[in-house]
Amino acid sequence: METVPADVLIARAVRAHTRALVTLAVACLALAGIGTAALSLAGEDLRTPPITAGLSLLAVGQACALVAAAIAGIGLIRVLRQVGEPGSDDSAAAARSNVPREAVRATAARFAILMRVVVGACVLVISVWALANTAGIVGAVVGALVTLQLVVALALLRVHLLRSL
């Protein structure tokens, strides 16, 4: 097994975290755009249960996307704070002590937990709408299908993070 130079290892960790942060920020904006489009298309039906249920699930997705972006940002800050200038003794020491690898693994593990939280939140909100007002079930399911795309994005980002090692 070949050894990867310290600066390359650090650069890979920084690049993976940066891509995750940007992707999740875009995901949050995309969910906001979908919610805005739904609001504009709803017209006078704005307060009907299907629209309200769908928007409640989009809000859950946005909140989870913001949490995921914060997780990626924290991982990026951790890598950047604990390594020094490129080529310095500090960066070599940080790579030897596995700072970049640990940060990437911690971010990937947190994404795995968040994926479960998103799925659980979707199931919970659909269940609440099923109990509270059955007319909102269809809207809740549609909102959940859109929100579950965040899980797919998190899974892809998690694979990208782990492959960057």
Protein backbone atom coordinates (compact mmCIF):
# COMPACT_ATOMS: atom_id res chain seq x y z
CA MET A 1 0.00 0.00 0.00
CA GLU A 2 1.45 3.33 -1.01
CA THR A 3 1.56 6.23 1.40
CA VAL A 4 -0.24 9.38 0.41
CA PRO A 5 1.63 12.64 1.00
CA ALA A 6 0.27 14.71 3.88
CA ASP A 7 -0.75 17.67 1.74
CA VAL A 8 -2.62 15.43 -0.69
CA LEU A 9 -4.52 13.78 2.14
CA ILE A 10 -5.44 17.16 3.61
CA ALA A 11 -6.46 18.53 0.20
CA ARG A 12 -8.71 15.53 -0.40
CA ALA A 13 -10.43 16.01 2.96
CA VAL A 14 -10.90 19.73 2.34
CA ARG A 15 -12.23 19.15 -1.19
CA ALA A 16 -14.68 16.46 -0.05
CA HIS A 17 -16.03 18.64 2.76
CA THR A 18 -16.28 21.67 0.49
CA ARG A 19 -18.20 19.73 -2.14
CA ALA A 20 -20.55 18.38 0.52
CA LEU A 21 -21.13 21.86 1.93
CA VAL A 22 -21.90 23.38 -1.47
CA THR A 23 -24.11 20.46 -2.52
CA LEU A 24 -26.14 20.64 0.67
CA ALA A 25 -26.53 24.41 0.41
CA VAL A 26 -27.85 23.91 -3.13
CA ALA A 27 -30.19 21.15 -1.87
CA CYS A 28 -31.61 23.53 0.70
CA LEU A 29 -32.15 26.17 -1.97
CA ALA A 30 -33.75 23.60 -4.27
CA LEU A 31 -36.21 22.59 -1.55
CA ALA A 32 -36.99 26.28 -0.99
CA GLY A 33 -37.59 26.71 -4.72
CA ILE A 34 -39.91 23.72 -4.82
CA GLY A 35 -41.80 25.08 -1.82
CA THR A 36 -42.09 28.50 -3.43
CA ALA A 37 -43.33 26.93 -6.66
CA ALA A 38 -45.89 24.90 -4.74
CA LEU A 39 -47.09 28.03 -2.96
CA SER A 40 -47.42 29.97 -6.20
CA LEU A 41 -49.22 27.09 -7.93
CA ALA A 42 -51.58 26.55 -4.99
CA GLY A 43 -53.34 29.86 -5.58
CA GLU A 44 -56.51 29.92 -3.54
CA ASP A 45 -56.02 26.34 -2.35
CA LEU A 46 -53.13 27.46 -0.15
CA ARG A 47 -54.66 26.39 3.13
CA THR A 48 -55.92 22.99 1.99
CA PRO A 49 -54.54 19.94 3.82
CA PRO A 50 -52.60 18.45 0.88
CA ILE A 51 -50.67 21.70 0.29
CA THR A 52 -50.03 22.26 3.98
CA ALA A 53 -48.91 18.65 4.46
CA GLY A 54 -46.56 18.77 1.49
CA LEU A 55 -45.06 22.05 2.62
CA SER A 56 -44.56 20.74 6.14
CA LEU A 57 -42.46 17.90 4.76
CA LEU A 58 -40.49 20.26 2.56
CA ALA A 59 -39.77 22.32 5.68
CA VAL A 60 -38.49 19.17 7.41
CA GLY A 61 -36.25 18.52 4.41
CA GLN A 62 -34.92 22.06 4.46
CA ALA A 63 -34.15 21.87 8.16
CA CYS A 64 -32.33 18.57 7.67
CA ALA A 65 -30.40 19.98 4.70
CA LEU A 66 -29.29 22.89 6.85
CA VAL A 67 -28.18 20.51 9.58
CA ALA A 68 -26.27 18.44 7.02
CA ALA A 69 -24.60 21.59 5.65
CA ALA A 70 -23.62 22.53 9.21
CA ILE A 71 -22.14 19.06 9.71
CA ALA A 72 -20.08 19.43 6.52
CA GLY A 73 -19.01 22.92 7.57
CA ILE A 74 -17.92 21.72 11.00
CA GLY A 75 -15.88 18.94 9.40
CA LEU A 76 -14.26 21.43 7.04
CA ILE A 77 -13.43 23.81 9.87
CA ARG A 78 -12.00 20.94 11.90
CA VAL A 79 -9.65 19.97 9.08
CA LEU A 80 -8.62 23.55 8.34
CA ARG A 81 -7.98 24.46 11.98
CA GLN A 82 -5.92 21.42 12.86
CA VAL A 83 -3.57 21.49 9.90
CA GLY A 84 -0.98 24.12 9.25
CA GLU A 85 0.47 25.63 6.13
CA PRO A 86 0.89 23.26 3.19
CA GLY A 87 4.25 21.49 3.40
CA SER A 88 4.80 22.51 7.01
CA ASP A 89 5.67 20.28 9.92
CA ASP A 90 2.21 20.96 11.36
CA SER A 91 0.46 19.58 8.29
CA ALA A 92 2.70 16.51 8.27
CA ALA A 93 2.00 15.95 11.97
CA ALA A 94 -1.74 16.39 11.42
CA ALA A 95 -1.68 13.82 8.61
CA ARG A 96 0.35 11.39 10.73
CA SER A 97 -2.16 11.74 13.56
CA ASN A 98 -4.99 11.04 11.06
CA VAL A 99 -6.76 14.37 11.55
CA PRO A 100 -8.08 14.49 7.94
CA ARG A 101 -9.20 10.86 7.99
CA GLU A 102 -10.92 11.20 11.35
CA ALA A 103 -12.72 14.36 10.23
CA VAL A 104 -13.93 12.67 7.03
CA ARG A 105 -15.04 9.55 8.89
CA ALA A 106 -16.85 11.62 11.54
CA THR A 107 -18.68 13.62 8.88
CA ALA A 108 -19.64 10.44 7.01
CA ALA A 109 -20.90 8.85 10.24
CA ARG A 110 -22.98 11.93 11.04
CA PHE A 111 -24.44 11.86 7.52
CA ALA A 112 -25.45 8.22 8.08
CA ILE A 113 -27.28 9.18 11.27
CA LEU A 114 -28.92 12.14 9.57
CA MET A 115 -30.14 9.93 6.73
CA ARG A 116 -32.02 7.83 9.28
CA VAL A 117 -33.39 10.97 10.93
CA VAL A 118 -34.74 12.26 7.60
CA VAL A 119 -36.48 8.96 6.83
CA GLY A 120 -37.87 8.78 10.37
CA ALA A 121 -39.08 12.37 10.23
CA CYS A 122 -40.86 11.71 6.94
CA VAL A 123 -42.60 8.65 8.37
CA LEU A 124 -43.52 10.58 11.52
CA VAL A 125 -44.98 13.56 9.66
CA ILE A 126 -46.96 11.30 7.31
CA SER A 127 -48.30 9.43 10.35
CA VAL A 128 -49.28 12.67 12.06
CA TRP A 129 -51.12 13.82 8.95
CA ALA A 130 -52.82 10.42 8.66
CA LEU A 131 -54.11 10.78 12.21
CA ALA A 132 -54.87 14.51 12.14
CA ASN A 133 -56.43 14.96 8.72
CA THR A 134 -56.56 12.14 6.18
CA ALA A 135 -57.04 14.64 3.35
CA GLY A 136 -53.40 15.64 3.80
CA ILE A 137 -51.93 12.17 3.27
CA VAL A 138 -51.41 12.58 -0.48
CA GLY A 139 -49.66 15.93 -0.02
CA ALA A 140 -47.56 14.48 2.78
CA VAL A 141 -46.48 11.53 0.64
CA VAL A 142 -45.55 13.81 -2.26
CA GLY A 143 -43.60 16.10 0.09
CA ALA A 144 -41.88 13.05 1.58
CA LEU A 145 -40.85 11.80 -1.86
CA VAL A 146 -39.21 15.13 -2.58
CA THR A 147 -37.61 15.27 0.87
CA LEU A 148 -36.28 11.72 0.57
CA GLN A 149 -34.15 12.90 -2.33
CA LEU A 150 -32.04 14.54 0.37
CA VAL A 151 -31.30 11.05 1.68
CA VAL A 152 -30.04 10.07 -1.75
CA ALA A 153 -27.84 13.17 -1.87
CA LEU A 154 -26.49 12.41 1.62
CA ALA A 155 -25.74 8.82 0.62
CA LEU A 156 -23.84 9.96 -2.47
CA LEU A 157 -21.93 12.56 -0.48
CA ARG A 158 -21.11 9.97 2.16
CA VAL A 159 -19.65 7.64 -0.47
CA HIS A 160 -17.68 10.54 -1.95
CA LEU A 161 -16.33 11.45 1.49
CA LEU A 162 -15.24 7.91 2.26
CA ARG A 163 -13.65 7.43 -1.16
CA SER A 164 -11.61 10.61 -0.71
CA LEU A 165 -9.48 8.87 1.91
